[in-house]
Amino acid sequence: MSPVKSRREQYSEETRAALLDAATRRFAEHGFAKTSLEDVAADIRATRGAVYHHFPNKTALFQAVFDALEIEMIRRVTEAAAREADPWRSAMAALDLFLDHCCDTVYGRIVWQEAPIALGWQRWHECEAEYAHGLIEQLIQALIESGDMPPLPLGPVSRITFHIFGAAGMALAETAPEDKARVRGEYALAIGHLFDGARLPRS
C-alpha cells in the first residue's frame, strides 16, 4: 500500500507541475535567453523562492522541461510502434509519429532549437542519444531479425539512422508553420526511400 501524501507534499508536486507548464510555454514562446525565473514564477503567482525550491537555476528548469517533452515523445512513438505486429510497419509507424511530433511548435523549438543553447551542444547531443538511440536500435534489431534488413552491424546502422532522424527534426523545427506539412512529407518520402533501399526482397 502506497503511503498517503501529506497536503504539503501534494502542494509541492502541484507547484512543480505548474512551474513546468509555465516554463514550457515561456521557453517555447520567448526562448531560453529571454525567459527568467521571475517570469515563470509570476505566471503562476509564485515567489522566486518557490522556483528555487524545485530547481536550482534556469538551466535545471529547462532540463526538466526538455526531459518531460522527450519522455512523452518516446512514449507515444513506442506505443505507435507496438500497435503494429509487423516489424517493418512498426518502424514506419514510429517514423510517422516522430515526424508529426517534430511539427509541433512547442516540441520543435524547445528540443531542437533552444536545447543546444540552454544545455550546450555536448549535453544536448548526449540527451538526444539517451532518449532516442535505444529505441532506434530496438527497431533496427527487429528489422534485421525479421529478415527485412540485411545483418549489417547494428551499432553503425542505428547511429546513422539516429542522425538521419535528427536532421529531419532540426529541419522541421526551422520550417515556417505554413510549410511544415510540405517539408514533413518530403522528409517522410526521403527517409522512407532510404529504408526501402535497404530492405531485403521477400521470397
C-alpha atoms as a PDB file:
ATOM      1  CA  MET A   1       0.000   0.000   0.000  1.00  0.00           C
ATOM      2  CA  SER A   2       1.414   3.376  -1.022  1.00  0.00           C
ATOM      3  CA  PRO A   3       1.633   5.982   1.753  1.00  0.00           C
ATOM      4  CA  VAL A   4      -0.881   8.827   1.706  1.00  0.00           C
ATOM      5  CA  LYS A   5       0.788  12.067   0.699  1.00  0.00           C
ATOM      6  CA  SER A   6       0.559  14.999   3.036  1.00  0.00           C
ATOM      7  CA  ARG A   7      -1.114  18.215   1.953  1.00  0.00           C
ATOM      8  CA  ARG A   8       2.303  19.844   1.893  1.00  0.00           C
ATOM      9  CA  GLU A   9       3.679  17.152  -0.433  1.00  0.00           C
ATOM     10  CA  GLN A  10       0.678  17.457  -2.719  1.00  0.00           C
ATOM     11  CA  TYR A  11       1.067  21.227  -2.849  1.00  0.00           C
ATOM     12  CA  SER A  12       4.767  20.872  -3.625  1.00  0.00           C
ATOM     13  CA  GLU A  13       4.061  18.481  -6.501  1.00  0.00           C
ATOM     14  CA  GLU A  14       1.317  20.722  -7.859  1.00  0.00           C
ATOM     15  CA  THR A  15       3.631  23.728  -7.696  1.00  0.00           C
ATOM     16  CA  ARG A  16       6.361  21.868  -9.549  1.00  0.00           C
ATOM     17  CA  ALA A  17       3.930  20.762 -12.256  1.00  0.00           C
ATOM     18  CA  ALA A  18       2.625  24.313 -12.623  1.00  0.00           C
ATOM     19  CA  LEU A  19       6.183  25.645 -12.900  1.00  0.00           C
ATOM     20  CA  LEU A  20       6.969  23.124 -15.642  1.00  0.00           C
ATOM     21  CA  ASP A  21       3.838  24.084 -17.580  1.00  0.00           C
ATOM     22  CA  ALA A  22       4.600  27.792 -17.277  1.00  0.00           C
ATOM     23  CA  ALA A  23       8.261  27.286 -18.187  1.00  0.00           C
ATOM     24  CA  THR A  24       7.309  25.188 -21.216  1.00  0.00           C
ATOM     25  CA  ARG A  25       5.123  28.000 -22.525  1.00  0.00           C
ATOM     26  CA  ARG A  26       7.790  30.617 -21.814  1.00  0.00           C
ATOM     27  CA  PHE A  27      10.645  28.699 -23.427  1.00  0.00           C
ATOM     28  CA  ALA A  28       8.510  27.900 -26.484  1.00  0.00           C
ATOM     29  CA  GLU A  29       7.308  31.485 -26.955  1.00  0.00           C
ATOM     30  CA  HIS A  30      10.324  33.529 -25.889  1.00  0.00           C
ATOM     31  CA  GLY A  31      13.280  31.137 -25.916  1.00  0.00           C
ATOM     32  CA  PHE A  32      15.739  30.258 -23.173  1.00  0.00           C
ATOM     33  CA  ALA A  33      17.711  33.509 -23.177  1.00  0.00           C
ATOM     34  CA  LYS A  34      14.648  35.751 -22.876  1.00  0.00           C
ATOM     35  CA  THR A  35      12.973  33.729 -20.129  1.00  0.00           C
ATOM     36  CA  SER A  36      13.727  34.470 -16.490  1.00  0.00           C
ATOM     37  CA  LEU A  37      12.836  32.545 -13.364  1.00  0.00           C
ATOM     38  CA  GLU A  38      10.919  35.611 -12.207  1.00  0.00           C
ATOM     39  CA  ASP A  39       8.750  35.422 -15.341  1.00  0.00           C
ATOM     40  CA  VAL A  40       7.958  31.766 -14.719  1.00  0.00           C
ATOM     41  CA  ALA A  41       7.168  32.374 -11.061  1.00  0.00           C
ATOM     42  CA  ALA A  42       4.932  35.336 -11.903  1.00  0.00           C
ATOM     43  CA  ASP A  43       2.954  33.265 -14.406  1.00  0.00           C
ATOM     44  CA  ILE A  44       1.712  31.007 -11.607  1.00  0.00           C
ATOM     45  CA  ARG A  45       1.739  33.718  -8.915  1.00  0.00           C
ATOM     46  CA  ALA A  46       4.541  32.049  -7.013  1.00  0.00           C
ATOM     47  CA  THR A  47       7.645  33.501  -5.421  1.00  0.00           C
ATOM     48  CA  ARG A  48      11.119  33.169  -6.863  1.00  0.00           C
ATOM     49  CA  GLY A  49      11.924  31.114  -3.780  1.00  0.00           C
ATOM     50  CA  ALA A  50       9.291  28.582  -4.817  1.00  0.00           C
ATOM     51  CA  VAL A  51      11.128  28.135  -8.106  1.00  0.00           C
ATOM     52  CA  TYR A  52      14.482  27.665  -6.368  1.00  0.00           C
ATOM     53  CA  HIS A  53      12.907  25.120  -4.043  1.00  0.00           C
ATOM     54  CA  HIS A  54      12.403  22.843  -7.046  1.00  0.00           C
ATOM     55  CA  PHE A  55      15.082  23.990  -9.499  1.00  0.00           C
ATOM     56  CA  PRO A  56      18.490  25.417  -8.505  1.00  0.00           C
ATOM     57  CA  ASN A  57      18.786  27.522 -11.668  1.00  0.00           C
ATOM     58  CA  LYS A  58      17.232  28.227 -15.067  1.00  0.00           C
ATOM     59  CA  THR A  59      19.247  25.513 -16.779  1.00  0.00           C
ATOM     60  CA  ALA A  60      17.906  22.900 -14.373  1.00  0.00           C
ATOM     61  CA  LEU A  61      14.366  24.115 -15.052  1.00  0.00           C
ATOM     62  CA  PHE A  62      14.970  23.899 -18.785  1.00  0.00           C
ATOM     63  CA  GLN A  63      16.416  20.393 -18.411  1.00  0.00           C
ATOM     64  CA  ALA A  64      13.247  19.293 -16.606  1.00  0.00           C
ATOM     65  CA  VAL A  65      11.057  20.744 -19.365  1.00  0.00           C
ATOM     66  CA  PHE A  66      13.217  19.113 -22.029  1.00  0.00           C
ATOM     67  CA  ASP A  67      13.103  15.746 -20.257  1.00  0.00           C
ATOM     68  CA  ALA A  68       9.315  15.860 -19.945  1.00  0.00           C
ATOM     69  CA  LEU A  69       8.884  16.584 -23.668  1.00  0.00           C
ATOM     70  CA  GLU A  70      11.296  13.845 -24.709  1.00  0.00           C
ATOM     71  CA  ILE A  71       9.776  11.258 -22.367  1.00  0.00           C
ATOM     72  CA  GLU A  72       6.319  11.983 -23.776  1.00  0.00           C
ATOM     73  CA  MET A  73       7.599  11.769 -27.364  1.00  0.00           C
ATOM     74  CA  ILE A  74       9.320   8.431 -26.739  1.00  0.00           C
ATOM     75  CA  ARG A  75       6.203   7.090 -25.002  1.00  0.00           C
ATOM     76  CA  ARG A  76       3.960   7.965 -27.916  1.00  0.00           C
ATOM     77  CA  VAL A  77       6.396   6.676 -30.550  1.00  0.00           C
ATOM     78  CA  THR A  78       6.883   3.426 -28.624  1.00  0.00           C
ATOM     79  CA  GLU A  79       3.122   2.925 -28.339  1.00  0.00           C
ATOM     80  CA  ALA A  80       2.634   3.586 -32.060  1.00  0.00           C
ATOM     81  CA  ALA A  81       5.335   1.068 -32.934  1.00  0.00           C
ATOM     82  CA  ALA A  82       3.912  -1.532 -30.532  1.00  0.00           C
ATOM     83  CA  ARG A  83       0.494  -1.407 -32.197  1.00  0.00           C
ATOM     84  CA  GLU A  84       1.968  -2.906 -35.358  1.00  0.00           C
ATOM     85  CA  ALA A  85       2.709  -6.635 -35.377  1.00  0.00           C
ATOM     86  CA  ASP A  86       4.999  -6.479 -38.413  1.00  0.00           C
ATOM     87  CA  PRO A  87       8.481  -5.019 -37.706  1.00  0.00           C
ATOM     88  CA  TRP A  88       8.545  -3.036 -40.939  1.00  0.00           C
ATOM     89  CA  ARG A  89       5.171  -1.418 -40.320  1.00  0.00           C
ATOM     90  CA  SER A  90       6.245  -0.836 -36.725  1.00  0.00           C
ATOM     91  CA  ALA A  91       9.318   1.106 -37.849  1.00  0.00           C
ATOM     92  CA  MET A  92       7.285   3.154 -40.338  1.00  0.00           C
ATOM     93  CA  ALA A  93       4.686   3.965 -37.674  1.00  0.00           C
ATOM     94  CA  ALA A  94       7.463   5.147 -35.365  1.00  0.00           C
ATOM     95  CA  LEU A  95       8.878   7.345 -38.128  1.00  0.00           C
ATOM     96  CA  ASP A  96       5.485   8.868 -38.912  1.00  0.00           C
ATOM     97  CA  LEU A  97       4.726   9.755 -35.310  1.00  0.00           C
ATOM     98  CA  PHE A  98       8.215  11.144 -34.755  1.00  0.00           C
ATOM     99  CA  LEU A  99       7.846  13.459 -37.754  1.00  0.00           C
ATOM    100  CA  ASP A 100       4.396  14.518 -36.565  1.00  0.00           C
ATOM    101  CA  HIS A 101       5.840  15.325 -33.152  1.00  0.00           C
ATOM    102  CA  CYS A 102       8.620  17.413 -34.685  1.00  0.00           C
ATOM    103  CA  CYS A 103       5.984  19.542 -36.430  1.00  0.00           C
ATOM    104  CA  ASP A 104       4.662  20.596 -33.031  1.00  0.00           C
ATOM    105  CA  THR A 105       5.881  24.142 -32.459  1.00  0.00           C
ATOM    106  CA  VAL A 106       6.498  23.680 -28.717  1.00  0.00           C
ATOM    107  CA  TYR A 107       8.443  20.434 -29.076  1.00  0.00           C
ATOM    108  CA  GLY A 108      10.287  21.672 -32.141  1.00  0.00           C
ATOM    109  CA  ARG A 109      11.510  24.921 -30.648  1.00  0.00           C
ATOM    110  CA  ILE A 110      12.439  23.627 -27.203  1.00  0.00           C
ATOM    111  CA  VAL A 111      14.053  20.317 -28.192  1.00  0.00           C
ATOM    112  CA  TRP A 112      15.693  21.231 -31.498  1.00  0.00           C
ATOM    113  CA  GLN A 113      16.354  24.966 -31.306  1.00  0.00           C
ATOM    114  CA  GLU A 114      16.622  26.053 -27.687  1.00  0.00           C
ATOM    115  CA  ALA A 115      18.159  22.939 -26.106  1.00  0.00           C
ATOM    116  CA  PRO A 116      21.583  23.250 -27.804  1.00  0.00           C
ATOM    117  CA  ILE A 117      21.754  26.815 -26.441  1.00  0.00           C
ATOM    118  CA  ALA A 118      20.418  26.089 -22.967  1.00  0.00           C
ATOM    119  CA  LEU A 119      22.225  22.814 -22.328  1.00  0.00           C
ATOM    120  CA  GLY A 120      25.272  23.223 -24.536  1.00  0.00           C
ATOM    121  CA  TRP A 121      25.864  21.216 -27.694  1.00  0.00           C
ATOM    122  CA  GLN A 122      27.569  18.267 -25.994  1.00  0.00           C
ATOM    123  CA  ARG A 123      24.967  17.833 -23.253  1.00  0.00           C
ATOM    124  CA  TRP A 124      22.116  18.243 -25.747  1.00  0.00           C
ATOM    125  CA  HIS A 125      23.606  15.588 -28.014  1.00  0.00           C
ATOM    126  CA  GLU A 126      24.051  13.236 -25.046  1.00  0.00           C
ATOM    127  CA  CYS A 127      20.398  13.730 -24.062  1.00  0.00           C
ATOM    128  CA  GLU A 128      19.165  13.058 -27.571  1.00  0.00           C
ATOM    129  CA  ALA A 129      21.197   9.872 -27.721  1.00  0.00           C
ATOM    130  CA  GLU A 130      19.949   8.844 -24.273  1.00  0.00           C
ATOM    131  CA  TYR A 131      16.302   9.188 -25.231  1.00  0.00           C
ATOM    132  CA  ALA A 132      16.185   8.165 -28.879  1.00  0.00           C
ATOM    133  CA  HIS A 133      19.135   5.918 -29.663  1.00  0.00           C
ATOM    134  CA  GLY A 134      17.930   2.923 -27.669  1.00  0.00           C
ATOM    135  CA  LEU A 135      14.516   2.915 -29.352  1.00  0.00           C
ATOM    136  CA  ILE A 136      16.059   3.250 -32.803  1.00  0.00           C
ATOM    137  CA  GLU A 137      18.415   0.376 -32.035  1.00  0.00           C
ATOM    138  CA  GLN A 138      15.476  -1.820 -30.975  1.00  0.00           C
ATOM    139  CA  LEU A 139      13.589  -1.072 -34.188  1.00  0.00           C
ATOM    140  CA  ILE A 140      16.646  -1.780 -36.367  1.00  0.00           C
ATOM    141  CA  GLN A 141      17.360  -5.003 -34.468  1.00  0.00           C
ATOM    142  CA  ALA A 142      13.784  -6.161 -35.082  1.00  0.00           C
ATOM    143  CA  LEU A 143      14.120  -5.415 -38.808  1.00  0.00           C
ATOM    144  CA  ILE A 144      17.339  -7.407 -39.020  1.00  0.00           C
ATOM    145  CA  GLU A 145      15.921 -10.352 -37.085  1.00  0.00           C
ATOM    146  CA  SER A 146      12.782 -10.413 -39.236  1.00  0.00           C
ATOM    147  CA  GLY A 147      14.834 -10.507 -42.423  1.00  0.00           C
ATOM    148  CA  ASP A 148      13.577  -7.127 -43.594  1.00  0.00           C
ATOM    149  CA  MET A 149      17.109  -5.753 -43.444  1.00  0.00           C
ATOM    150  CA  PRO A 150      20.451  -7.465 -44.023  1.00  0.00           C
ATOM    151  CA  PRO A 151      22.550  -8.408 -40.969  1.00  0.00           C
ATOM    152  CA  LEU A 152      24.578  -5.196 -41.003  1.00  0.00           C
ATOM    153  CA  PRO A 153      26.467  -4.043 -37.880  1.00  0.00           C
ATOM    154  CA  LEU A 154      23.749  -2.859 -35.501  1.00  0.00           C
ATOM    155  CA  GLY A 155      25.711  -0.019 -33.933  1.00  0.00           C
ATOM    156  CA  PRO A 156      26.666   1.858 -37.114  1.00  0.00           C
ATOM    157  CA  VAL A 157      23.238   1.390 -38.725  1.00  0.00           C
ATOM    158  CA  SER A 158      21.475   2.627 -35.592  1.00  0.00           C
ATOM    159  CA  ARG A 159      23.748   5.649 -35.282  1.00  0.00           C
ATOM    160  CA  ILE A 160      23.335   6.593 -38.946  1.00  0.00           C
ATOM    161  CA  THR A 161      19.560   6.290 -38.578  1.00  0.00           C
ATOM    162  CA  PHE A 162      19.705   8.367 -35.398  1.00  0.00           C
ATOM    163  CA  HIS A 163      21.455  11.187 -37.236  1.00  0.00           C
ATOM    164  CA  ILE A 164      19.029  10.995 -40.177  1.00  0.00           C
ATOM    165  CA  PHE A 165      16.110  11.382 -37.793  1.00  0.00           C
ATOM    166  CA  GLY A 166      17.919  14.245 -36.082  1.00  0.00           C
ATOM    167  CA  ALA A 167      18.403  16.064 -39.370  1.00  0.00           C
ATOM    168  CA  ALA A 168      14.677  15.747 -40.060  1.00  0.00           C
ATOM    169  CA  GLY A 169      13.778  17.025 -36.600  1.00  0.00           C
ATOM    170  CA  MET A 170      16.047  20.043 -36.907  1.00  0.00           C
ATOM    171  CA  ALA A 171      14.734  20.879 -40.380  1.00  0.00           C
ATOM    172  CA  LEU A 172      11.104  20.713 -39.282  1.00  0.00           C
ATOM    173  CA  ALA A 173      11.801  22.888 -36.237  1.00  0.00           C
ATOM    174  CA  GLU A 174      13.310  25.545 -38.505  1.00  0.00           C
ATOM    175  CA  THR A 175      10.460  25.417 -41.032  1.00  0.00           C
ATOM    176  CA  ALA A 176       7.762  28.080 -41.034  1.00  0.00           C
ATOM    177  CA  PRO A 177       4.383  26.811 -39.756  1.00  0.00           C
ATOM    178  CA  GLU A 178       2.704  27.166 -43.146  1.00  0.00           C
ATOM    179  CA  ASP A 179       5.375  24.965 -44.752  1.00  0.00           C
ATOM    180  CA  LYS A 180       5.681  22.243 -42.096  1.00  0.00           C
ATOM    181  CA  ALA A 181       3.217  19.814 -43.720  1.00  0.00           C
ATOM    182  CA  ARG A 182       5.047  20.008 -47.050  1.00  0.00           C
ATOM    183  CA  VAL A 183       8.520  19.634 -45.529  1.00  0.00           C
ATOM    184  CA  ARG A 184       7.306  16.803 -43.297  1.00  0.00           C
ATOM    185  CA  GLY A 185       6.056  14.971 -46.387  1.00  0.00           C
ATOM    186  CA  GLU A 186       9.371  15.486 -48.148  1.00  0.00           C
ATOM    187  CA  TYR A 187      11.350  14.055 -45.241  1.00  0.00           C
ATOM    188  CA  ALA A 188       8.939  11.135 -44.855  1.00  0.00           C
ATOM    189  CA  LEU A 189       9.380  10.365 -48.547  1.00  0.00           C
ATOM    190  CA  ALA A 190      13.161  10.683 -48.445  1.00  0.00           C
ATOM    191  CA  ILE A 191      13.658   8.606 -45.281  1.00  0.00           C
ATOM    192  CA  GLY A 192      11.139   6.011 -46.444  1.00  0.00           C
ATOM    193  CA  HIS A 193      13.036   5.711 -49.726  1.00  0.00           C
ATOM    194  CA  LEU A 194      16.314   5.179 -47.867  1.00  0.00           C
ATOM    195  CA  PHE A 195      14.743   2.427 -45.780  1.00  0.00           C
ATOM    196  CA  ASP A 196      13.145   0.837 -48.832  1.00  0.00           C
ATOM    197  CA  GLY A 197      16.560   0.760 -50.493  1.00  0.00           C
ATOM    198  CA  ALA A 198      17.965  -1.202 -47.533  1.00  0.00           C
ATOM    199  CA  ARG A 199      15.027  -3.607 -47.374  1.00  0.00           C
ATOM    200  CA  LEU A 200      15.622  -7.160 -48.464  1.00  0.00           C
ATOM    201  CA  PRO A 201      13.188  -8.623 -51.031  1.00  0.00           C
ATOM    202  CA  ARG A 202      10.755 -11.177 -49.673  1.00  0.00           C
ATOM    203  CA  SER A 203      10.969 -14.634 -51.237  1.00  0.00           C
END
